[in-house]
Amino acid sequence: MPPRIDEAGQDTPWRRPGGARYAAARVRGLLRPPVTVHRPAPGTVAIDHDQAVVTRDGTVLRVNVHRPPGSGPFPVILAAHPYGKDNLPSTTRTGRWKVSFQYRLLRQTAPVRFSSLTGWEAPDPAWWTGRGYAVVNCDLRGAGTSDGTGALLSAQEGEDVHDLVEWAGAQPWSTGSVGMLGVSYLAVSQWRAAATRPPSLKAIAPWEGFTDAYRDLPRPGGVAEVGFLTLWSLGLRRTRRQYSLKKESARHPVIDEWWRSLDPDLARIEVPALICGSFSDNNLHSRGSIAGFEGIGSAERHLYTHRSGKWATFYSDEARAAQLRFFDRHLRGRRDAPPLPRVRLEVRDRGDRVVEVREESQWPLARTRWTPRHLTAGGLADGAPTRAGSLTFDIRRGGARFGWTLTEDVELTGPMALRLYVEVVGADDMDLVVGVEKWNRGRYIGFEGSYGYGRDRVATGWQNLALRALDEERSRPFQPVPACLTRSPVTAGRIVPVDIALGPSSTLFHAGEQLRLVVAGRWLSPRNPLTGQFPAAYRTARRGTCTLHWGPDHPAHLLLPVIPRT
């Protein structure tokens, strides 16, 4: 057995063992993704293409309507997005199905199956019409066949979706009860629309969608994301847009009125909600989804957690069953059906193994024991250090590690928070990227992460040092929220406190395994697209040294969400 490593020390956190086998699997997925497409049986779906919807300002949006056979009326599932309602799977000359390139580019955790009527991250019309629902697939303003020029995440977009909902609720084939369902941007559009309170909207199911336009994607902790935003902008190149989110992020490095205008008013959302808050999308949707669950005003709301692949889960039998049960209750009025659990919690001990799925009544869990582990020369200690210490690393090339080998099984469920005391030399700012990892006998244990990355850490956090000031009203001890309003560079020789939020997770650590905290001044994963978290990339400082301090005057610690095990 390799020697136990619990002392504080230097680290290179973007170099982790086991990449060759993972890269080989990635190549196989690029050549043949595990996606199966089928044609609906003839006569099972009636389709009305390019139905015109006139919005309140006269702009014409267009939708495709999918209905079960017969005149109805039917409850309605609506999805609105900028990806093109007609961008559907197609067949090649050889008869093979051609699906969205994202399914090749981004790794799939399990086989994905849907019909040829299914758009990117949208509900499968064949599946839903087979259960008696009409499905409306909408091109947002400036996208696909819709008129106008779009503005991503804007209030205008929320009003447009409001009008789409009301149109769907007024059609002769509709019962007047409309729900919304979809992944990522198809979830983001739900937050905006639901906050406008369209009368026909009876329920929403935002399946992994951020709620804070600045902190959840372009600038977590004020650190600029430049990888996914580039790829996303390329994917939207055919849409007519007022702006590029990547370019606007560069123009607006701190939170201002423009950023605030993009955020939905969660408290105004009162319709029942089924929210998927995965633990495997920390770079993009995990925080915002759970913030949505906590922040909306809905009396009946449910949180569905998992740590598997985004698309494999959304189209899975279990997730679809939960979606159907939810919409049957709220769109069909089957109030005799029992509601979904408040929280569906999935606990894993490694990326490919679920150890428990259980029902909980709140998030974070009320019985959480918020437990600090203190940074010391001996790693992450139970008690605060009595002597001062420090560790210095190069911002560009190095990092630091602090370990804790567990003597008993421990479940960590919830967000984490890290308090550091930082000194920089050769720079007046830096971007801190921190992660919590799991190791077993010298072997790194990977988990599912954003963009199909299968070697992710348990949790990750970002924080720009000059934007370290907290939003005191929104921050909680276990979840610091940076205000990101004004830059405060650090003068040479000054030691400053900085609080870093790490994303939510639910992980069982076994006795003998090690929890390792890593701290660096750059992104924690390789840039190689076969072994790294492609397309994630963050613009970080490239010069200077960072010194982490601890001791009686600098109580650096990692706050952990320990769940008592019965």
Protein backbone atom coordinates (compact mmCIF):
# COMPACT_ATOMS: atom_id res chain seq x y z
CA MET A 1 0.00 0.00 0.00
CA PRO A 2 1.36 3.45 -0.84
CA PRO A 3 2.24 5.55 2.20
CA ARG A 4 -0.47 7.61 3.78
CA ILE A 5 -0.27 11.22 2.58
CA ASP A 6 -1.96 13.66 4.91
CA GLU A 7 0.59 16.42 5.21
CA ALA A 8 0.28 19.74 3.44
CA GLY A 9 2.41 19.79 0.32
CA GLN A 10 2.98 20.87 -3.26
CA ASP A 11 0.66 19.49 -5.90
CA THR A 12 0.00 19.56 -9.65
CA PRO A 13 -3.77 19.00 -9.55
CA TRP A 14 -4.26 18.84 -13.35
CA ARG A 15 -2.07 15.73 -13.56
CA ARG A 16 -4.02 12.76 -12.27
CA PRO A 17 -3.34 9.05 -12.99
CA GLY A 18 -5.49 6.80 -15.16
CA GLY A 19 -5.95 8.99 -18.22
CA ALA A 20 -4.96 6.53 -20.99
CA ARG A 21 -7.91 4.17 -20.59
CA TYR A 22 -10.28 7.09 -20.28
CA ALA A 23 -8.89 8.68 -23.47
CA ALA A 24 -9.38 5.41 -25.39
CA ALA A 25 -13.03 5.30 -24.32
CA ARG A 26 -13.43 8.92 -25.42
CA VAL A 27 -12.15 8.04 -28.90
CA ARG A 28 -14.68 5.22 -29.17
CA GLY A 29 -17.46 7.61 -28.16
CA LEU A 30 -16.34 10.16 -30.73
CA LEU A 31 -16.48 7.55 -33.48
CA ARG A 32 -19.77 5.98 -32.41
CA PRO A 33 -21.74 7.66 -29.61
CA PRO A 34 -24.20 5.36 -27.77
CA VAL A 35 -27.26 7.15 -29.14
CA THR A 36 -30.19 5.24 -30.69
CA VAL A 37 -32.87 6.96 -32.76
CA HIS A 38 -36.17 5.42 -33.82
CA ARG A 39 -39.00 6.56 -36.05
CA PRO A 40 -42.45 6.85 -34.49
CA ALA A 41 -44.90 4.29 -35.83
CA PRO A 42 -47.07 5.69 -38.66
CA GLY A 43 -50.22 7.39 -37.44
CA THR A 44 -49.09 7.77 -33.82
CA VAL A 45 -48.14 11.47 -33.96
CA ALA A 46 -49.93 14.28 -35.77
CA ILE A 47 -47.59 17.17 -36.61
CA ASP A 48 -48.40 20.78 -37.51
CA HIS A 49 -45.26 22.52 -38.74
CA ASP A 50 -44.45 26.23 -38.50
CA GLN A 51 -47.53 27.37 -36.67
CA ALA A 52 -47.38 31.17 -36.32
CA VAL A 53 -47.61 32.78 -32.87
CA VAL A 54 -47.88 36.58 -32.79
CA THR A 55 -46.34 38.12 -29.67
CA ARG A 56 -47.56 41.26 -27.92
CA ASP A 57 -45.24 43.49 -29.99
CA GLY A 58 -46.30 41.90 -33.28
CA THR A 59 -43.26 39.67 -33.83
CA VAL A 60 -44.11 36.29 -35.36
CA LEU A 61 -42.64 33.24 -33.67
CA ARG A 62 -43.08 29.77 -35.12
CA VAL A 63 -43.65 26.44 -33.47
CA ASN A 64 -44.11 22.78 -34.33
CA VAL A 65 -47.06 21.09 -32.65
CA HIS A 66 -47.09 17.32 -32.00
CA ARG A 67 -50.41 15.78 -30.98
CA PRO A 68 -51.72 12.31 -30.23
CA PRO A 69 -54.25 10.95 -32.75
CA GLY A 70 -57.71 12.45 -32.36
CA SER A 71 -59.03 15.91 -31.70
CA GLY A 72 -58.20 16.05 -28.01
CA PRO A 73 -58.12 18.20 -26.05
CA PHE A 74 -54.71 17.39 -24.56
CA PRO A 75 -52.54 18.87 -21.83
CA VAL A 76 -49.48 20.57 -23.33
CA ILE A 77 -45.73 20.23 -22.80
CA LEU A 78 -43.90 23.27 -24.21
CA ALA A 79 -40.17 23.75 -24.88
CA ALA A 80 -38.64 27.06 -26.01
CA HIS A 81 -35.02 27.51 -27.11
CA PRO A 82 -32.63 29.14 -29.63
CA TYR A 83 -31.35 25.87 -31.16
CA GLY A 84 -33.80 25.48 -34.04
CA LYS A 85 -36.97 23.43 -33.68
CA ASP A 86 -36.29 21.73 -37.03
CA ASN A 87 -32.74 20.63 -36.17
CA LEU A 88 -33.70 16.99 -35.71
CA PRO A 89 -31.94 13.65 -36.24
CA SER A 90 -31.59 12.72 -39.91
CA THR A 91 -30.44 9.72 -41.90
CA THR A 92 -27.32 9.46 -44.02
CA ARG A 93 -27.09 7.86 -47.47
CA THR A 94 -26.25 4.57 -45.80
CA GLY A 95 -29.37 4.74 -43.65
CA ARG A 96 -27.57 5.47 -40.38
CA TRP A 97 -28.94 8.12 -38.04
CA LYS A 98 -27.06 11.38 -37.77
CA VAL A 99 -27.56 13.09 -34.40
CA SER A 100 -26.36 16.38 -32.95
CA PHE A 101 -22.57 16.61 -32.99
CA GLN A 102 -22.62 17.35 -29.25
CA TYR A 103 -23.37 13.68 -28.63
CA ARG A 104 -20.00 12.85 -30.19
CA LEU A 105 -18.08 15.78 -28.78
CA LEU A 106 -19.31 15.27 -25.22
CA ARG A 107 -19.03 11.87 -23.56
CA GLN A 108 -22.17 9.85 -22.78
CA THR A 109 -22.36 7.82 -19.56
CA ALA A 110 -24.98 5.36 -20.82
CA PRO A 111 -27.04 4.62 -23.94
CA VAL A 112 -29.42 7.43 -24.94
CA ARG A 113 -32.61 6.64 -26.85
CA PHE A 114 -35.23 8.96 -28.35
CA SER A 115 -37.36 9.38 -31.47
CA SER A 116 -36.49 11.16 -34.70
CA LEU A 117 -38.78 14.04 -33.63
CA THR A 118 -36.52 15.00 -30.71
CA GLY A 119 -34.56 18.26 -30.76
CA TRP A 120 -31.42 19.06 -28.79
CA GLU A 121 -32.10 18.72 -25.04
CA ALA A 122 -35.85 18.73 -25.70
CA PRO A 123 -38.61 16.33 -24.61
CA ASP A 124 -39.27 13.48 -27.03
CA PRO A 125 -42.63 14.22 -28.74
CA ALA A 126 -43.22 10.57 -29.62
CA TRP A 127 -42.85 9.49 -26.00
CA TRP A 128 -45.10 12.22 -24.62
CA THR A 129 -47.82 11.98 -27.27
CA GLY A 130 -47.89 8.28 -26.51
CA ARG A 131 -48.98 9.24 -23.00
CA GLY A 132 -51.67 11.64 -24.13
CA TYR A 133 -49.81 14.96 -24.19
CA ALA A 134 -49.38 17.50 -26.95
CA VAL A 135 -45.80 18.77 -27.35
CA VAL A 136 -45.02 22.27 -28.66
CA ASN A 137 -41.44 22.89 -29.80
CA CYS A 138 -40.76 26.65 -30.14
CA ASP A 139 -38.16 28.73 -31.95
CA LEU A 140 -37.34 31.73 -29.80
CA ARG A 141 -37.10 35.20 -31.31
CA GLY A 142 -34.30 35.34 -33.87
CA ALA A 143 -33.82 31.57 -33.96
CA GLY A 144 -34.82 28.99 -36.55
CA THR A 145 -37.90 30.10 -38.48
CA SER A 146 -38.99 32.79 -35.99
CA ASP A 147 -38.79 36.48 -36.86
CA GLY A 148 -37.03 39.24 -34.96
CA THR A 149 -33.67 39.55 -33.23
CA GLY A 150 -33.17 37.66 -30.00
CA ALA A 151 -31.58 38.72 -26.74
CA LEU A 152 -30.47 35.71 -24.69
CA LEU A 153 -31.78 35.52 -21.11
CA SER A 154 -33.59 38.86 -21.48
CA ALA A 155 -36.90 40.07 -20.09
CA GLN A 156 -38.08 40.24 -23.72
CA GLU A 157 -37.46 36.52 -24.03
CA GLY A 158 -39.49 35.87 -20.88
CA GLU A 159 -42.41 37.85 -22.32
CA ASP A 160 -42.17 35.92 -25.58
CA VAL A 161 -42.37 32.57 -23.78
CA HIS A 162 -45.29 33.93 -21.74
CA ASP A 163 -47.10 34.63 -25.04
CA LEU A 164 -46.19 31.17 -26.38
CA VAL A 165 -47.66 29.55 -23.27
CA GLU A 166 -50.88 31.51 -23.58
CA TRP A 167 -51.16 30.67 -27.28
CA ALA A 168 -50.77 26.96 -26.52
CA GLY A 169 -53.33 27.18 -23.74
CA ALA A 170 -55.94 28.74 -26.06
CA GLN A 171 -55.79 26.22 -28.94
CA PRO A 172 -58.79 23.95 -29.62
CA TRP A 173 -56.63 20.83 -29.17
CA SER A 174 -55.43 22.06 -25.74
CA THR A 175 -57.03 21.55 -22.35
CA GLY A 176 -55.68 24.96 -21.35
CA SER A 177 -53.14 23.40 -19.00
CA VAL A 178 -49.55 23.99 -20.13
CA GLY A 179 -46.33 22.72 -18.60
CA MET A 180 -42.74 23.35 -19.60
CA LEU A 181 -39.92 20.80 -19.82
CA GLY A 182 -36.37 20.71 -21.14
CA VAL A 183 -32.66 20.70 -20.36
CA SER A 184 -30.16 23.57 -20.00
CA TYR A 185 -31.36 26.60 -22.00
CA LEU A 186 -34.75 24.90 -22.25
CA ALA A 187 -34.75 25.06 -18.44
CA VAL A 188 -33.43 28.63 -18.28
CA SER A 189 -36.32 29.82 -20.46
CA GLN A 190 -38.72 28.32 -17.93
CA TRP A 191 -37.43 30.41 -15.02
CA ARG A 192 -37.95 33.62 -16.98
CA ALA A 193 -41.40 32.70 -18.26
CA ALA A 194 -42.70 31.37 -14.94
CA ALA A 195 -41.72 34.61 -13.21
CA THR A 196 -44.14 36.45 -15.54
CA ARG A 197 -46.97 34.20 -14.28
CA PRO A 198 -48.80 33.27 -17.49
CA PRO A 199 -52.28 32.04 -16.44
CA SER A 200 -52.14 28.88 -18.58
CA LEU A 201 -48.82 27.74 -17.10
CA LYS A 202 -49.64 25.12 -14.49
CA ALA A 203 -46.23 23.50 -13.84
CA ILE A 204 -42.58 23.66 -14.87
CA ALA A 205 -39.77 21.11 -14.95
CA PRO A 206 -36.48 22.98 -15.45
CA TRP A 207 -34.04 20.11 -15.92
CA GLU A 208 -30.62 21.54 -15.02
CA GLY A 209 -30.66 25.26 -15.76
CA PHE A 210 -28.70 28.12 -14.18
CA THR A 211 -30.41 31.07 -12.46
CA ASP A 212 -27.54 33.57 -11.97
CA ALA A 213 -26.30 34.76 -15.35
CA TYR A 214 -22.96 36.06 -13.99
CA ARG A 215 -21.95 33.62 -11.24
CA ASP A 216 -23.28 30.32 -12.62
CA LEU A 217 -21.53 30.28 -16.00
CA PRO A 218 -19.52 33.22 -17.45
CA ARG A 219 -17.77 34.25 -14.21
CA PRO A 220 -18.04 31.87 -11.26
CA GLY A 221 -16.46 33.70 -8.35
CA GLY A 222 -15.53 36.42 -10.84
CA VAL A 223 -13.25 34.03 -12.81
CA ALA A 224 -13.81 34.38 -16.57
CA GLU A 225 -14.99 31.26 -18.42
CA VAL A 226 -13.68 31.26 -22.00
CA GLY A 227 -14.08 27.65 -23.17
CA PHE A 228 -17.71 26.57 -23.15
CA LEU A 229 -18.84 30.09 -24.00
CA THR A 230 -16.77 29.94 -27.19
CA LEU A 231 -18.27 26.61 -28.23
CA TRP A 232 -21.79 27.74 -27.32
CA SER A 233 -21.40 30.92 -29.37
CA LEU A 234 -20.35 28.84 -32.38
CA GLY A 235 -23.44 26.68 -31.93
CA LEU A 236 -25.63 29.78 -32.00
CA ARG A 237 -23.95 31.35 -35.04
CA ARG A 238 -27.08 30.96 -37.20
CA THR A 239 -29.32 32.80 -34.75
CA ARG A 240 -30.02 36.53 -34.97
CA ARG A 241 -28.86 37.89 -31.64
CA GLN A 242 -28.35 41.32 -30.13
CA TYR A 243 -25.19 40.22 -28.35
CA SER A 244 -22.75 37.39 -27.62
CA LEU A 245 -22.62 36.35 -23.97
CA LYS A 246 -18.89 35.74 -24.28
CA LYS A 247 -18.24 39.26 -25.59
CA GLU A 248 -20.55 40.83 -23.03
CA SER A 249 -18.74 38.98 -20.24
CA ALA A 250 -15.51 40.66 -21.37
CA ARG A 251 -17.26 44.05 -21.48
CA HIS A 252 -18.87 43.60 -18.05
CA PRO A 253 -16.23 42.03 -15.74
CA VAL A 254 -18.23 42.85 -12.59
CA ILE A 255 -21.93 42.64 -11.78
CA ASP A 256 -23.84 45.69 -12.99
CA GLU A 257 -27.36 46.51 -14.10
CA TRP A 258 -26.86 44.65 -17.37
CA TRP A 259 -26.11 41.39 -15.56
CA ARG A 260 -28.96 41.95 -13.11
CA SER A 261 -31.38 42.40 -16.01
CA LEU A 262 -30.70 38.80 -17.10
CA ASP A 263 -31.68 37.11 -13.82
CA PRO A 264 -35.23 35.84 -13.24
CA ASP A 265 -37.16 36.93 -10.16
CA LEU A 266 -37.35 33.49 -8.57
CA ALA A 267 -39.63 34.60 -5.74
CA ARG A 268 -42.37 35.38 -8.29
CA ILE A 269 -42.51 31.76 -9.45
CA GLU A 270 -45.44 30.07 -7.73
CA VAL A 271 -46.40 27.18 -10.02
CA PRO A 272 -45.44 23.64 -9.00
CA ALA A 273 -41.89 22.83 -10.06
CA LEU A 274 -39.87 19.67 -10.62
CA ILE A 275 -36.25 20.82 -10.65
CA CYS A 276 -33.34 18.63 -11.64
CA GLY A 277 -30.27 19.75 -9.71
CA SER A 278 -27.53 17.36 -10.71
CA PHE A 279 -24.23 17.11 -8.84
CA SER A 280 -22.48 16.44 -12.16
CA ASP A 281 -22.76 19.90 -13.71
CA ASN A 282 -20.77 22.06 -11.30
CA ASN A 283 -19.35 24.21 -14.12
CA LEU A 284 -22.73 25.17 -15.48
CA HIS A 285 -26.07 24.28 -13.87
CA SER A 286 -25.69 22.59 -10.46
CA ARG A 287 -25.60 25.71 -8.29
CA GLY A 288 -28.27 27.60 -10.20
CA SER A 289 -30.67 24.67 -10.23
CA ILE A 290 -30.47 24.19 -6.48
CA ALA A 291 -30.66 27.97 -5.94
CA GLY A 292 -33.85 27.83 -7.98
CA PHE A 293 -35.27 25.12 -5.73
CA GLU A 294 -34.44 27.19 -2.66
CA GLY A 295 -35.52 30.55 -4.08
CA ILE A 296 -38.84 30.03 -5.86
CA GLY A 297 -42.13 30.79 -4.15
CA SER A 298 -43.83 27.54 -5.17
CA ALA A 299 -45.52 25.66 -2.35
CA GLU A 300 -45.11 22.38 -4.20
CA ARG A 301 -41.56 22.02 -5.47
CA HIS A 302 -39.32 19.01 -5.87
CA LEU A 303 -35.57 18.56 -6.28
CA TYR A 304 -34.36 15.61 -8.34
CA THR A 305 -30.63 15.04 -7.82
CA HIS A 306 -28.26 12.68 -9.59
CA ARG A 307 -24.59 12.38 -10.55
CA SER A 308 -24.78 10.74 -13.94
CA GLY A 309 -24.77 12.11 -17.47
CA LYS A 310 -27.14 14.95 -18.30
CA TRP A 311 -28.79 13.42 -21.38
CA ALA A 312 -28.64 9.78 -20.30
CA THR A 313 -30.53 10.77 -17.16
CA PHE A 314 -33.08 13.08 -18.80
CA TYR A 315 -34.20 10.39 -21.27
CA SER A 316 -33.96 7.52 -18.75
CA ASP A 317 -36.99 5.48 -17.70
CA GLU A 318 -36.71 6.60 -14.08
CA ALA A 319 -36.50 10.33 -14.85
CA ARG A 320 -39.31 10.14 -17.39
CA ALA A 321 -41.48 8.33 -14.86
CA ALA A 322 -40.93 11.17 -12.39
CA GLN A 323 -41.69 13.79 -15.05
CA LEU A 324 -44.88 11.98 -16.09
CA ARG A 325 -46.05 11.55 -12.50
CA PHE A 326 -45.44 15.26 -11.89
CA PHE A 327 -47.28 16.47 -14.99
CA ASP A 328 -50.14 14.01 -14.56
CA ARG A 329 -50.72 15.51 -11.14
CA HIS A 330 -50.56 19.15 -12.20
CA LEU A 331 -51.70 19.21 -15.84
CA ARG A 332 -54.27 16.42 -15.74
CA GLY A 333 -55.45 17.31 -12.25
CA ARG A 334 -54.85 13.86 -10.81
CA ARG A 335 -54.62 15.15 -7.26
CA ASP A 336 -55.24 11.66 -5.87
CA ALA A 337 -51.80 10.68 -7.15
CA PRO A 338 -49.14 11.07 -4.44
CA PRO A 339 -46.74 13.96 -4.99
CA LEU A 340 -43.10 13.36 -5.70
CA PRO A 341 -40.71 13.47 -2.74
CA ARG A 342 -39.51 16.93 -1.79
CA VAL A 343 -35.94 15.85 -2.52
CA ARG A 344 -34.80 12.77 -4.40
CA LEU A 345 -31.24 12.33 -3.12
CA GLU A 346 -28.69 10.16 -4.90
CA VAL A 347 -25.50 9.28 -2.97
CA ARG A 348 -22.43 7.86 -4.72
CA ASP A 349 -19.07 6.62 -3.55
CA ARG A 350 -17.50 6.76 -7.00
CA GLY A 351 -18.50 7.90 -10.45
CA ASP A 352 -20.11 4.67 -11.60
CA ARG A 353 -21.69 3.45 -8.35
CA VAL A 354 -24.81 4.63 -6.54
CA VAL A 355 -24.81 3.52 -2.91
CA GLU A 356 -28.21 4.92 -1.97
CA VAL A 357 -31.24 6.76 -3.34
CA ARG A 358 -33.50 8.13 -0.63
CA GLU A 359 -36.19 10.70 0.02
CA GLU A 360 -35.39 13.85 1.98
CA SER A 361 -37.61 16.73 3.03
CA GLN A 362 -35.30 19.73 2.53
CA TRP A 363 -32.05 21.09 1.11
CA PRO A 364 -29.57 21.43 2.68
CA LEU A 365 -30.47 18.55 4.99
CA ALA A 366 -31.63 19.78 8.40
CA ARG A 367 -29.52 17.20 10.23
CA THR A 368 -26.28 18.35 8.57
CA ARG A 369 -23.36 18.73 10.96
CA TRP A 370 -21.34 21.58 9.49
CA THR A 371 -17.84 20.41 10.38
CA PRO A 372 -14.63 22.40 9.85
CA ARG A 373 -11.38 20.66 8.93
CA HIS A 374 -8.48 23.01 9.56
CA LEU A 375 -5.53 23.60 7.26
CA THR A 376 -2.32 22.57 9.04
CA ALA A 377 1.13 21.29 8.17
CA GLY A 378 -0.30 17.83 8.85
CA GLY A 379 -3.15 18.16 6.38
CA LEU A 380 -6.81 18.78 7.21
CA ALA A 381 -7.01 18.47 10.98
CA ASP A 382 -9.95 18.19 13.34
CA GLY A 383 -8.58 20.88 15.64
CA ALA A 384 -7.29 24.35 14.86
CA PRO A 385 -3.48 24.64 14.67
CA THR A 386 -1.65 26.21 17.59
CA ARG A 387 1.33 27.24 15.48
CA ALA A 388 1.51 29.39 12.38
CA GLY A 389 2.42 27.80 9.08
CA SER A 390 2.43 28.51 5.37
CA LEU A 391 2.87 26.93 1.96
CA THR A 392 3.97 28.69 -1.24
CA PHE A 393 3.36 27.63 -4.84
CA ASP A 394 3.86 29.10 -8.30
CA ILE A 395 0.57 30.46 -9.65
CA ARG A 396 1.20 29.21 -13.17
CA ARG A 397 2.63 25.75 -12.55
CA GLY A 398 1.96 24.71 -8.97
CA GLY A 399 -0.66 24.01 -6.39
CA ALA A 400 -1.12 22.83 -2.82
CA ARG A 401 -2.73 19.78 -1.25
CA PHE A 402 -4.14 19.03 2.20
CA GLY A 403 -5.33 15.52 3.03
CA TRP A 404 -7.56 13.79 5.56
CA THR A 405 -7.64 9.98 5.79
CA LEU A 406 -10.95 8.88 7.26
CA THR A 407 -11.14 6.37 10.09
CA GLU A 408 -14.85 5.66 9.56
CA ASP A 409 -17.44 5.97 6.82
CA VAL A 410 -18.62 9.56 6.33
CA GLU A 411 -21.33 10.91 4.05
CA LEU A 412 -20.86 14.46 2.77
CA THR A 413 -24.08 15.88 1.31
CA GLY A 414 -24.49 19.58 0.55
CA PRO A 415 -22.32 22.52 -0.47
CA MET A 416 -18.85 23.11 0.97
CA ALA A 417 -17.06 26.34 1.84
CA LEU A 418 -13.33 27.10 2.09
CA ARG A 419 -11.76 29.95 4.05
CA LEU A 420 -8.19 30.74 2.98
CA TYR A 421 -5.65 33.39 3.99
CA VAL A 422 -3.71 34.36 0.90
CA GLU A 423 -0.61 36.38 0.11
CA VAL A 424 0.54 36.98 -3.48
CA VAL A 425 3.97 38.09 -4.66
CA GLY A 426 4.71 39.33 -8.17
CA ALA A 427 1.05 40.10 -8.79
CA ASP A 428 -1.80 42.04 -7.20
CA ASP A 429 -4.49 39.51 -8.06
CA MET A 430 -5.01 35.83 -8.87
CA ASP A 431 -7.76 33.37 -9.67
CA LEU A 432 -8.08 30.66 -7.07
CA VAL A 433 -9.47 27.32 -8.24
CA VAL A 434 -10.03 24.74 -5.51
CA GLY A 435 -11.27 21.17 -5.49
CA VAL A 436 -12.16 18.37 -3.10
CA GLU A 437 -10.97 14.98 -4.33
CA LYS A 438 -11.33 11.36 -3.27
CA TRP A 439 -8.33 9.01 -3.16
CA ASN A 440 -8.08 5.33 -2.24
CA ARG A 441 -4.66 3.74 -1.69
CA GLY A 442 -2.95 6.25 -3.90
CA ARG A 443 -5.59 5.97 -6.64
CA TYR A 444 -7.63 8.98 -7.73
CA ILE A 445 -11.40 8.32 -7.74
CA GLY A 446 -13.21 10.23 -10.46
CA PHE A 447 -16.83 11.35 -10.62
CA GLU A 448 -19.12 12.52 -13.40
CA GLY A 449 -18.73 16.21 -14.24
CA SER A 450 -19.89 18.89 -16.66
CA TYR A 451 -19.82 18.36 -20.43
CA GLY A 452 -19.58 14.57 -20.09
CA TYR A 453 -16.30 14.66 -18.14
CA GLY A 454 -15.88 11.35 -16.30
CA ARG A 455 -12.85 12.19 -14.12
CA ASP A 456 -14.23 15.10 -12.15
CA ARG A 457 -13.56 15.94 -8.51
CA VAL A 458 -16.13 15.63 -5.75
CA ALA A 459 -16.61 19.41 -5.76
CA THR A 460 -14.98 22.50 -7.28
CA GLY A 461 -14.88 26.21 -6.47
CA TRP A 462 -13.58 29.40 -8.10
CA GLN A 463 -12.73 32.83 -6.70
CA ASN A 464 -10.98 35.85 -8.10
CA LEU A 465 -8.94 37.36 -5.29
CA ALA A 466 -9.67 40.99 -6.18
CA LEU A 467 -13.43 40.23 -6.10
CA ARG A 468 -13.32 38.49 -2.71
CA ALA A 469 -15.79 40.81 -0.94
CA LEU A 470 -18.97 38.96 -0.01
CA ASP A 471 -22.61 39.74 -0.58
CA GLU A 472 -23.46 39.74 3.12
CA GLU A 473 -27.22 39.47 2.61
CA ARG A 474 -27.02 36.36 0.42
CA SER A 475 -24.05 34.60 2.00
CA ARG A 476 -24.43 31.77 4.50
CA PRO A 477 -21.59 30.19 6.52
CA PHE A 478 -21.69 27.09 4.32
CA GLN A 479 -22.29 29.00 1.09
CA PRO A 480 -20.41 32.30 0.64
CA VAL A 481 -21.64 34.45 -2.25
CA PRO A 482 -19.12 36.92 -3.70
CA ALA A 483 -20.61 40.34 -4.41
CA CYS A 484 -18.42 40.82 -7.53
CA LEU A 485 -19.12 44.56 -7.61
CA THR A 486 -15.72 46.24 -7.24
CA ARG A 487 -12.16 44.98 -7.68
CA SER A 488 -9.83 45.31 -4.67
CA PRO A 489 -6.31 44.30 -5.76
CA VAL A 490 -3.94 43.04 -3.07
CA THR A 491 -0.80 44.96 -2.18
CA ALA A 492 2.50 43.12 -1.81
CA GLY A 493 3.05 41.47 1.55
CA ARG A 494 -0.59 41.75 2.64
CA ILE A 495 -2.41 38.61 3.81
CA VAL A 496 -6.13 38.68 2.98
CA PRO A 497 -8.98 36.32 3.85
CA VAL A 498 -10.94 34.84 0.98
CA ASP A 499 -14.05 32.64 1.08
CA ILE A 500 -14.67 30.17 -1.73
CA ALA A 501 -17.92 28.31 -2.36
CA LEU A 502 -17.65 24.74 -3.63
CA GLY A 503 -20.55 23.23 -5.53
CA PRO A 504 -23.11 20.78 -4.10
CA SER A 505 -22.47 17.06 -3.98
CA SER A 506 -23.47 13.87 -2.18
CA THR A 507 -20.61 11.46 -1.62
CA LEU A 508 -19.90 8.57 0.71
CA PHE A 509 -16.27 8.32 1.86
CA HIS A 510 -15.27 4.93 3.25
CA ALA A 511 -12.91 4.33 6.13
CA GLY A 512 -9.31 4.33 4.86
CA GLU A 513 -10.06 6.63 1.93
CA GLN A 514 -8.59 10.10 1.73
CA LEU A 515 -10.36 13.41 1.20
CA ARG A 516 -7.89 15.74 -0.45
CA LEU A 517 -8.25 19.49 -0.81
CA VAL A 518 -6.32 20.99 -3.74
CA VAL A 519 -5.70 24.71 -4.25
CA ALA A 520 -4.25 26.18 -7.44
CA GLY A 521 -4.07 29.34 -9.52
CA ARG A 522 -5.34 27.75 -12.74
CA TRP A 523 -7.99 25.34 -13.96
CA LEU A 524 -7.68 21.92 -12.33
CA SER A 525 -8.14 19.65 -15.36
CA PRO A 526 -5.92 18.95 -18.38
CA ARG A 527 -6.49 20.96 -21.55
CA ASN A 528 -6.25 17.79 -23.68
CA PRO A 529 -9.81 17.22 -24.99
CA LEU A 530 -9.44 13.44 -24.58
CA THR A 531 -8.40 13.51 -20.92
CA GLY A 532 -9.61 16.91 -19.76
CA GLN A 533 -12.95 18.60 -19.21
CA PHE A 534 -13.35 19.91 -22.73
CA PRO A 535 -14.58 22.54 -23.52
CA ALA A 536 -14.21 24.06 -20.03
CA ALA A 537 -11.50 26.74 -19.87
CA TYR A 538 -10.93 29.69 -17.52
CA ARG A 539 -8.77 32.77 -18.03
CA THR A 540 -6.44 32.85 -15.03
CA ALA A 541 -3.30 34.77 -14.04
CA ARG A 542 0.02 33.44 -15.33
CA ARG A 543 2.65 34.99 -13.04
CA GLY A 544 3.59 35.34 -9.39
CA THR A 545 3.51 33.11 -6.34
CA CYS A 546 0.76 32.39 -3.86
CA THR A 547 1.33 31.69 -0.17
CA LEU A 548 -1.40 30.08 1.93
CA HIS A 549 -1.23 30.91 5.64
CA TRP A 550 -2.74 29.15 8.66
CA GLY A 551 -2.47 29.32 12.43
CA PRO A 552 -4.08 31.08 15.41
CA ASP A 553 -4.26 34.39 13.54
CA HIS A 554 -5.31 32.81 10.24
CA PRO A 555 -7.96 30.13 10.91
CA ALA A 556 -8.07 28.61 7.43
CA HIS A 557 -10.52 25.73 7.16
CA LEU A 558 -12.74 23.65 4.88
CA LEU A 559 -16.37 23.47 6.08
CA LEU A 560 -17.86 20.05 5.32
CA PRO A 561 -21.54 18.94 5.29
CA VAL A 562 -21.35 15.77 7.39
CA ILE A 563 -24.54 13.70 7.49
CA PRO A 564 -24.92 11.39 10.52
CA ARG A 565 -25.35 7.79 9.40
CA THR A 566 -27.87 5.66 11.26
